Structures are given as C-alpha cells and as structure tokens.
Amino acid sequence: MPANPFAKTPKVVVTFASTADAIAMESDAQAYGLPGRIVPVPSEIDAGCGLAWCCDAADREKLVAGLKEFGIVHEGVFAVELY
C-alpha cells in the first residue's frame, strides 16, 4: 500500500526575529547549499516574524551545522511534523 500523501512528516523549522533575517536565510542557504525553503511559521511554534525556514528532518545535521558555521542569525530550531 502506498504512503498516505496527506500524512504529516518530520521537519526541522528554523525561526527568525525579523523578516530581514528570514530573507537573508534564503540568500545564505542558496549560497552555501543548505536544504529547505521559506514557509509561514507553523501554528505549533510561537515565534518571531511569521516566516521560518523548513527542511526535512533527515537534513537537520547539515542545516544546523550550516547555521553555526556561517553565523546565520536565527531564533530557534524546532522539530515538528507538517503536511
């Protein structure tokens, strides 16, 4: 039986204090080859500017290492299940 396409899957969500930081993340991620994309902050998380960076949970180590290595400004890193 195929996997349910409407099931939630584990994700990593990075939050930001400002929209400028979120937009900078998009540029930095492209420059440094970090996985993910900009999304609205999920309702499960109470955070900052309303924008977040999201990637698959399998990419957590690469993303977190990139945040640290490249000094990317962010508020927090969360594990959530999203559609």
PDB file of N, CA and C in Angstrom:
ATOM      1  N   MET A   1       0.844  -1.180   0.000  1.00  0.00           N
ATOM      2  CA  MET A   1       0.000   0.000   0.000  1.00  0.00           C
ATOM      3  C   MET A   1       0.891   1.246   0.000  1.00  0.00           C
ATOM      4  N   PRO A   2       0.661   2.240  -0.885  1.00  0.00           N
ATOM      5  CA  PRO A   2       1.492   3.441  -0.938  1.00  0.00           C
ATOM      6  C   PRO A   2       1.300   4.308   0.307  1.00  0.00           C
ATOM      7  N   ALA A   3       2.330   5.111   0.597  1.00  0.00           N
ATOM      8  CA  ALA A   3       2.265   6.019   1.744  1.00  0.00           C
ATOM      9  C   ALA A   3       1.151   7.048   1.535  1.00  0.00           C
ATOM     10  N   ASN A   4       0.565   7.470   2.619  1.00  0.00           N
ATOM     11  CA  ASN A   4      -0.502   8.471   2.569  1.00  0.00           C
ATOM     12  C   ASN A   4       0.104   9.835   2.204  1.00  0.00           C
ATOM     13  N   PRO A   5      -0.273  10.410   1.058  1.00  0.00           N
ATOM     14  CA  PRO A   5       0.300  11.697   0.650  1.00  0.00           C
ATOM     15  C   PRO A   5      -0.176  12.848   1.536  1.00  0.00           C
ATOM     16  N   PHE A   6      -1.200  12.608   2.381  1.00  0.00           N
ATOM     17  CA  PHE A   6      -1.732  13.646   3.251  1.00  0.00           C
ATOM     18  C   PHE A   6      -1.253  13.489   4.695  1.00  0.00           C
ATOM     19  N   ALA A   7      -0.311  12.602   4.926  1.00  0.00           N
ATOM     20  CA  ALA A   7       0.207  12.376   6.272  1.00  0.00           C
ATOM     21  C   ALA A   7       1.268  13.429   6.614  1.00  0.00           C
ATOM     22  N   LYS A   8       1.343  13.774   7.878  1.00  0.00           N
ATOM     23  CA  LYS A   8       2.382  14.689   8.332  1.00  0.00           C
ATOM     24  C   LYS A   8       3.724  13.964   8.313  1.00  0.00           C
ATOM     25  N   THR A   9       4.790  14.726   8.044  1.00  0.00           N
ATOM     26  CA  THR A   9       6.139  14.164   8.033  1.00  0.00           C
ATOM     27  C   THR A   9       7.045  15.013   8.922  1.00  0.00           C
ATOM     28  N   PRO A  10       8.096  14.421   9.477  1.00  0.00           N
ATOM     29  CA  PRO A  10       9.010  15.164  10.343  1.00  0.00           C
ATOM     30  C   PRO A  10       9.774  16.236   9.563  1.00  0.00           C
ATOM     31  N   LYS A  11       9.806  17.428  10.132  1.00  0.00           N
ATOM     32  CA  LYS A  11      10.509  18.566   9.529  1.00  0.00           C
ATOM     33  C   LYS A  11      11.338  19.275  10.595  1.00  0.00           C
ATOM     34  N   VAL A  12      12.280  20.063  10.141  1.00  0.00           N
ATOM     35  CA  VAL A  12      13.040  20.958  11.001  1.00  0.00           C
ATOM     36  C   VAL A  12      12.631  22.372  10.595  1.00  0.00           C
ATOM     37  N   VAL A  13      12.287  23.182  11.591  1.00  0.00           N
ATOM     38  CA  VAL A  13      11.858  24.555  11.344  1.00  0.00           C
ATOM     39  C   VAL A  13      12.779  25.507  12.101  1.00  0.00           C
ATOM     40  N   VAL A  14      13.325  26.476  11.381  1.00  0.00           N
ATOM     41  CA  VAL A  14      14.189  27.499  11.968  1.00  0.00           C
ATOM     42  C   VAL A  14      13.403  28.806  11.974  1.00  0.00           C
ATOM     43  N   THR A  15      13.354  29.461  13.146  1.00  0.00           N
ATOM     44  CA  THR A  15      12.614  30.718  13.257  1.00  0.00           C
ATOM     45  C   THR A  15      13.567  31.906  13.320  1.00  0.00           C
ATOM     46  N   PHE A  16      13.005  33.085  13.031  1.00  0.00           N
ATOM     47  CA  PHE A  16      13.784  34.319  12.955  1.00  0.00           C
ATOM     48  C   PHE A  16      13.072  35.449  13.681  1.00  0.00           C
ATOM     49  N   ALA A  17      13.843  36.396  14.212  1.00  0.00           N
ATOM     50  CA  ALA A  17      13.286  37.538  14.926  1.00  0.00           C
ATOM     51  C   ALA A  17      12.720  38.581  13.966  1.00  0.00           C
ATOM     52  N   SER A  18      13.253  38.608  12.747  1.00  0.00           N
ATOM     53  CA  SER A  18      12.806  39.632  11.797  1.00  0.00           C
ATOM     54  C   SER A  18      12.656  39.039  10.392  1.00  0.00           C
ATOM     55  N   THR A  19      11.846  39.723   9.606  1.00  0.00           N
ATOM     56  CA  THR A  19      11.669  39.323   8.212  1.00  0.00           C
ATOM     57  C   THR A  19      12.992  39.432   7.458  1.00  0.00           C
ATOM     58  N   ALA A  20      13.774  40.449   7.787  1.00  0.00           N
ATOM     59  CA  ALA A  20      15.079  40.620   7.125  1.00  0.00           C
ATOM     60  C   ALA A  20      15.979  39.408   7.365  1.00  0.00           C
ATOM     61  N   ASP A  21      15.961  38.862   8.592  1.00  0.00           N
ATOM     62  CA  ASP A  21      16.772  37.673   8.888  1.00  0.00           C
ATOM     63  C   ASP A  21      16.279  36.466   8.092  1.00  0.00           C
ATOM     64  N   ALA A  22      14.963  36.328   7.952  1.00  0.00           N
ATOM     65  CA  ALA A  22      14.396  35.209   7.191  1.00  0.00           C
ATOM     66  C   ALA A  22      14.778  35.308   5.710  1.00  0.00           C
ATOM     67  N   ILE A  23      14.694  36.501   5.165  1.00  0.00           N
ATOM     68  CA  ILE A  23      15.049  36.710   3.757  1.00  0.00           C
ATOM     69  C   ILE A  23      16.557  36.483   3.558  1.00  0.00           C
ATOM     70  N   ALA A  24      17.365  36.917   4.532  1.00  0.00           N
ATOM     71  CA  ALA A  24      18.809  36.676   4.456  1.00  0.00           C
ATOM     72  C   ALA A  24      19.094  35.180   4.462  1.00  0.00           C
ATOM     73  N   MET A  25      18.312  34.418   5.231  1.00  0.00           N
ATOM     74  CA  MET A  25      18.491  32.961   5.268  1.00  0.00           C
ATOM     75  C   MET A  25      18.284  32.364   3.888  1.00  0.00           C
ATOM     76  N   GLU A  26      17.300  32.864   3.179  1.00  0.00           N
ATOM     77  CA  GLU A  26      17.040  32.342   1.836  1.00  0.00           C
ATOM     78  C   GLU A  26      18.257  32.550   0.936  1.00  0.00           C
ATOM     79  N   SER A  27      18.833  33.719   1.006  1.00  0.00           N
ATOM     80  CA  SER A  27      20.023  34.023   0.209  1.00  0.00           C
ATOM     81  C   SER A  27      21.224  33.195   0.668  1.00  0.00           C
ATOM     82  N   ASP A  28      21.414  33.116   1.995  1.00  0.00           N
ATOM     83  CA  ASP A  28      22.540  32.344   2.541  1.00  0.00           C
ATOM     84  C   ASP A  28      22.417  30.862   2.197  1.00  0.00           C
ATOM     85  N   ALA A  29      21.221  30.335   2.307  1.00  0.00           N
ATOM     86  CA  ALA A  29      21.011  28.912   2.015  1.00  0.00           C
ATOM     87  C   ALA A  29      21.383  28.594   0.575  1.00  0.00           C
ATOM     88  N   GLN A  30      21.006  29.472  -0.326  1.00  0.00           N
ATOM     89  CA  GLN A  30      21.343  29.259  -1.733  1.00  0.00           C
ATOM     90  C   GLN A  30      22.861  29.335  -1.928  1.00  0.00           C
ATOM     91  N   ALA A  31      23.491  30.315  -1.300  1.00  0.00           N
ATOM     92  CA  ALA A  31      24.935  30.497  -1.454  1.00  0.00           C
ATOM     93  C   ALA A  31      25.731  29.334  -0.857  1.00  0.00           C
ATOM     94  N   TYR A  32      25.256  28.790   0.277  1.00  0.00           N
ATOM     95  CA  TYR A  32      26.003  27.748   0.984  1.00  0.00           C
ATOM     96  C   TYR A  32      25.470  26.334   0.744  1.00  0.00           C
ATOM     97  N   GLY A  33      24.454  26.201  -0.089  1.00  0.00           N
ATOM     98  CA  GLY A  33      23.927  24.878  -0.403  1.00  0.00           C
ATOM     99  C   GLY A  33      23.177  24.210   0.735  1.00  0.00           C
ATOM    100  N   LEU A  34      22.479  25.013   1.545  1.00  0.00           N
ATOM    101  CA  LEU A  34      21.715  24.453   2.656  1.00  0.00           C
ATOM    102  C   LEU A  34      20.310  24.068   2.200  1.00  0.00           C
ATOM    103  N   PRO A  35      19.787  22.957   2.710  1.00  0.00           N
ATOM    104  CA  PRO A  35      18.474  22.484   2.279  1.00  0.00           C
ATOM    105  C   PRO A  35      17.336  23.292   2.899  1.00  0.00           C
ATOM    106  N   GLY A  36      16.204  23.346   2.183  1.00  0.00           N
ATOM    107  CA  GLY A  36      14.997  23.926   2.751  1.00  0.00           C
ATOM    108  C   GLY A  36      14.416  25.053   1.937  1.00  0.00           C
ATOM    109  N   ARG A  37      13.394  25.691   2.557  1.00  0.00           N
ATOM    110  CA  ARG A  37      12.703  26.803   1.906  1.00  0.00           C
ATOM    111  C   ARG A  37      11.986  27.632   2.959  1.00  0.00           C
ATOM    112  N   ILE A  38      11.609  28.850   2.579  1.00  0.00           N
ATOM    113  CA  ILE A  38      10.847  29.743   3.454  1.00  0.00           C
ATOM    114  C   ILE A  38       9.399  29.254   3.530  1.00  0.00           C
ATOM    115  N   VAL A  39       8.853  29.239   4.749  1.00  0.00           N
ATOM    116  CA  VAL A  39       7.445  28.878   4.980  1.00  0.00           C
ATOM    117  C   VAL A  39       6.894  29.799   6.063  1.00  0.00           C
ATOM    118  N   PRO A  40       5.565  29.894   6.177  1.00  0.00           N
ATOM    119  CA  PRO A  40       4.998  30.600   7.335  1.00  0.00           C
ATOM    120  C   PRO A  40       5.324  29.809   8.609  1.00  0.00           C
ATOM    121  N   VAL A  41       5.497  30.496   9.726  1.00  0.00           N
ATOM    122  CA  VAL A  41       5.764  29.801  10.986  1.00  0.00           C
ATOM    123  C   VAL A  41       4.569  28.905  11.301  1.00  0.00           C
ATOM    124  N   PRO A  42       4.795  27.614  11.529  1.00  0.00           N
ATOM    125  CA  PRO A  42       3.691  26.705  11.859  1.00  0.00           C
ATOM    126  C   PRO A  42       3.004  27.119  13.162  1.00  0.00           C
ATOM    127  N   SER A  43       1.726  26.831  13.268  1.00  0.00           N
ATOM    128  CA  SER A  43       0.947  27.219  14.451  1.00  0.00           C
ATOM    129  C   SER A  43       1.458  26.559  15.728  1.00  0.00           C
ATOM    130  N   GLU A  44       2.180  25.453  15.611  1.00  0.00           N
ATOM    131  CA  GLU A  44       2.737  24.765  16.785  1.00  0.00           C
ATOM    132  C   GLU A  44       3.858  25.560  17.447  1.00  0.00           C
ATOM    133  N   ILE A  45       4.389  26.550  16.731  1.00  0.00           N
ATOM    134  CA  ILE A  45       5.535  27.322  17.222  1.00  0.00           C
ATOM    135  C   ILE A  45       5.117  28.775  17.412  1.00  0.00           C
ATOM    136  N   ASP A  46       5.451  29.321  18.563  1.00  0.00           N
ATOM    137  CA  ASP A  46       5.195  30.730  18.846  1.00  0.00           C
ATOM    138  C   ASP A  46       6.517  31.465  18.689  1.00  0.00           C
ATOM    139  N   ALA A  47       6.687  32.157  17.552  1.00  0.00           N
ATOM    140  CA  ALA A  47       7.981  32.768  17.300  1.00  0.00           C
ATOM    141  C   ALA A  47       7.877  33.985  16.402  1.00  0.00           C
ATOM    142  N   GLY A  48       8.854  34.811  16.535  1.00  0.00           N
ATOM    143  CA  GLY A  48       9.235  35.979  15.775  1.00  0.00           C
ATOM    144  C   GLY A  48       8.383  36.561  14.679  1.00  0.00           C
ATOM    145  N   CYS A  49       8.932  36.605  13.502  1.00  0.00           N
ATOM    146  CA  CYS A  49       8.437  37.452  12.423  1.00  0.00           C
ATOM    147  C   CYS A  49       7.310  36.847  11.585  1.00  0.00           C
ATOM    148  N   GLY A  50       7.010  35.590  11.755  1.00  0.00           N
ATOM    149  CA  GLY A  50       5.971  34.964  10.937  1.00  0.00           C
ATOM    150  C   GLY A  50       6.510  34.137   9.789  1.00  0.00           C
ATOM    151  N   LEU A  51       7.810  34.272   9.510  1.00  0.00           N
ATOM    152  CA  LEU A  51       8.441  33.453   8.472  1.00  0.00           C
ATOM    153  C   LEU A  51       9.447  32.512   9.114  1.00  0.00           C
ATOM    154  N   ALA A  52       9.609  31.345   8.513  1.00  0.00           N
ATOM    155  CA  ALA A  52      10.539  30.346   9.033  1.00  0.00           C
ATOM    156  C   ALA A  52      11.211  29.638   7.866  1.00  0.00           C
ATOM    157  N   TRP A  53      12.267  28.904   8.182  1.00  0.00           N
ATOM    158  CA  TRP A  53      12.956  28.064   7.203  1.00  0.00           C
ATOM    159  C   TRP A  53      12.605  26.627   7.543  1.00  0.00           C
ATOM    160  N   CYS A  54      12.271  25.828   6.554  1.00  0.00           N
ATOM    161  CA  CYS A  54      11.832  24.456   6.801  1.00  0.00           C
ATOM    162  C   CYS A  54      12.579  23.496   5.886  1.00  0.00           C
ATOM    163  N   CYS A  55      12.995  22.356   6.465  1.00  0.00           N
ATOM    164  CA  CYS A  55      13.601  21.297   5.663  1.00  0.00           C
ATOM    165  C   CYS A  55      13.212  19.948   6.254  1.00  0.00           C
ATOM    166  N   ASP A  56      13.471  18.895   5.520  1.00  0.00           N
ATOM    167  CA  ASP A  56      13.185  17.542   6.002  1.00  0.00           C
ATOM    168  C   ASP A  56      14.050  17.245   7.227  1.00  0.00           C
ATOM    169  N   ALA A  57      13.500  16.463   8.139  1.00  0.00           N
ATOM    170  CA  ALA A  57      14.219  16.099   9.360  1.00  0.00           C
ATOM    171  C   ALA A  57      15.544  15.399   9.043  1.00  0.00           C
ATOM    172  N   ALA A  58      15.597  14.685   7.943  1.00  0.00           N
ATOM    173  CA  ALA A  58      16.831  13.977   7.556  1.00  0.00           C
ATOM    174  C   ALA A  58      17.987  14.938   7.278  1.00  0.00           C
ATOM    175  N   ASP A  59      17.669  16.204   6.994  1.00  0.00           N
ATOM    176  CA  ASP A  59      18.692  17.207   6.691  1.00  0.00           C
ATOM    177  C   ASP A  59      19.057  18.069   7.898  1.00  0.00           C
ATOM    178  N   ARG A  60      18.587  17.702   9.082  1.00  0.00           N
ATOM    179  CA  ARG A  60      18.798  18.524  10.289  1.00  0.00           C
ATOM    180  C   ARG A  60      20.279  18.810  10.554  1.00  0.00           C
ATOM    181  N   GLU A  61      21.107  17.777  10.564  1.00  0.00           N
ATOM    182  CA  GLU A  61      22.527  17.973  10.879  1.00  0.00           C
ATOM    183  C   GLU A  61      23.190  18.957   9.914  1.00  0.00           C
ATOM    184  N   LYS A  62      22.927  18.795   8.636  1.00  0.00           N
ATOM    185  CA  LYS A  62      23.522  19.685   7.629  1.00  0.00           C
ATOM    186  C   LYS A  62      23.049  21.122   7.843  1.00  0.00           C
ATOM    187  N   LEU A  63      21.761  21.305   8.111  1.00  0.00           N
ATOM    188  CA  LEU A  63      21.219  22.646   8.303  1.00  0.00           C
ATOM    189  C   LEU A  63      21.783  23.296   9.562  1.00  0.00           C
ATOM    190  N   VAL A  64      21.746  22.587  10.676  1.00  0.00           N
ATOM    191  CA  VAL A  64      22.226  23.148  11.944  1.00  0.00           C
ATOM    192  C   VAL A  64      23.722  23.457  11.865  1.00  0.00           C
ATOM    193  N   ALA A  65      24.491  22.584  11.242  1.00  0.00           N
ATOM    194  CA  ALA A  65      25.929  22.839  11.064  1.00  0.00           C
ATOM    195  C   ALA A  65      26.141  24.095  10.227  1.00  0.00           C
ATOM    196  N   GLY A  66      25.329  24.270   9.186  1.00  0.00           N
ATOM    197  CA  GLY A  66      25.443  25.453   8.329  1.00  0.00           C
ATOM    198  C   GLY A  66      25.086  26.731   9.069  1.00  0.00           C
ATOM    199  N   LEU A  67      24.055  26.673   9.895  1.00  0.00           N
ATOM    200  CA  LEU A  67      23.678  27.855  10.687  1.00  0.00           C
ATOM    201  C   LEU A  67      24.849  28.308  11.551  1.00  0.00           C
ATOM    202  N   LYS A  68      25.494  27.338  12.187  1.00  0.00           N
ATOM    203  CA  LYS A  68      26.621  27.638  13.077  1.00  0.00           C
ATOM    204  C   LYS A  68      27.853  28.078  12.282  1.00  0.00           C
ATOM    205  N   GLU A  69      28.216  27.290  11.279  1.00  0.00           N
ATOM    206  CA  GLU A  69      29.430  27.558  10.505  1.00  0.00           C
ATOM    207  C   GLU A  69      29.403  28.925   9.832  1.00  0.00           C
ATOM    208  N   PHE A  70      28.257  29.300   9.281  1.00  0.00           N
ATOM    209  CA  PHE A  70      28.163  30.536   8.519  1.00  0.00           C
ATOM    210  C   PHE A  70      27.609  31.695   9.340  1.00  0.00           C
ATOM    211  N   GLY A  71      27.360  31.469  10.639  1.00  0.00           N
ATOM    212  CA  GLY A  71      26.897  32.547  11.520  1.00  0.00           C
ATOM    213  C   GLY A  71      25.556  33.119  11.121  1.00  0.00           C
ATOM    214  N   ILE A  72      24.663  32.274  10.673  1.00  0.00           N
ATOM    215  CA  ILE A  72      23.345  32.732  10.231  1.00  0.00           C
ATOM    216  C   ILE A  72      22.483  33.059  11.452  1.00  0.00           C
ATOM    217  N   VAL A  73      21.988  34.293  11.500  1.00  0.00           N
ATOM    218  CA  VAL A  73      21.192  34.778  12.630  1.00  0.00           C
ATOM    219  C   VAL A  73      19.810  34.115  12.603  1.00  0.00           C
ATOM    220  N   HIS A  74      19.444  33.493  13.745  1.00  0.00           N
ATOM    221  CA  HIS A  74      18.138  32.851  13.865  1.00  0.00           C
ATOM    222  C   HIS A  74      17.714  32.830  15.320  1.00  0.00           C
ATOM    223  N   GLU A  75      16.433  32.547  15.559  1.00  0.00           N
ATOM    224  CA  GLU A  75      15.906  32.480  16.926  1.00  0.00           C
ATOM    225  C   GLU A  75      16.009  31.081  17.509  1.00  0.00           C
ATOM    226  N   GLY A  76      15.457  30.116  16.786  1.00  0.00           N
ATOM    227  CA  GLY A  76      15.422  28.759  17.316  1.00  0.00           C
ATOM    228  C   GLY A  76      15.311  27.721  16.229  1.00  0.00           C
ATOM    229  N   VAL A  77      15.560  26.470  16.625  1.00  0.00           N
ATOM    230  CA  VAL A  77      15.454  25.320  15.716  1.00  0.00           C
ATOM    231  C   VAL A  77      14.491  24.331  16.372  1.00  0.00           C
ATOM    232  N   PHE A  78      13.452  23.937  15.641  1.00  0.00           N
ATOM    233  CA  PHE A  78      12.402  23.094  16.190  1.00  0.00           C
ATOM    234  C   PHE A  78      12.161  21.871  15.320  1.00  0.00           C
ATOM    235  N   ALA A  79      11.786  20.782  15.967  1.00  0.00           N
ATOM    236  CA  ALA A  79      11.354  19.570  15.258  1.00  0.00           C
ATOM    237  C   ALA A  79       9.832  19.528  15.327  1.00  0.00           C
ATOM    238  N   VAL A  80       9.179  19.485  14.166  1.00  0.00           N
ATOM    239  CA  VAL A  80       7.722  19.416  14.101  1.00  0.00           C
ATOM    240  C   VAL A  80       7.301  18.470  12.993  1.00  0.00           C
ATOM    241  N   GLU A  81       6.055  18.064  13.033  1.00  0.00           N
ATOM    242  CA  GLU A  81       5.507  17.278  11.926  1.00  0.00           C
ATOM    243  C   GLU A  81       4.561  18.172  11.153  1.00  0.00           C
ATOM    244  N   LEU A  82       4.778  18.261   9.851  1.00  0.00           N
ATOM    245  CA  LEU A  82       3.989  19.124   8.981  1.00  0.00           C
ATOM    246  C   LEU A  82       3.494  18.358   7.766  1.00  0.00           C
ATOM    247  N   TYR A  83       2.489  18.897   7.127  1.00  0.00           N
ATOM    248  CA  TYR A  83       1.975  18.319   5.885  1.00  0.00           C
ATOM    249  C   TYR A  83       2.887  18.669   4.742  1.00  0.00           C
TER     250      TYR A  83
END
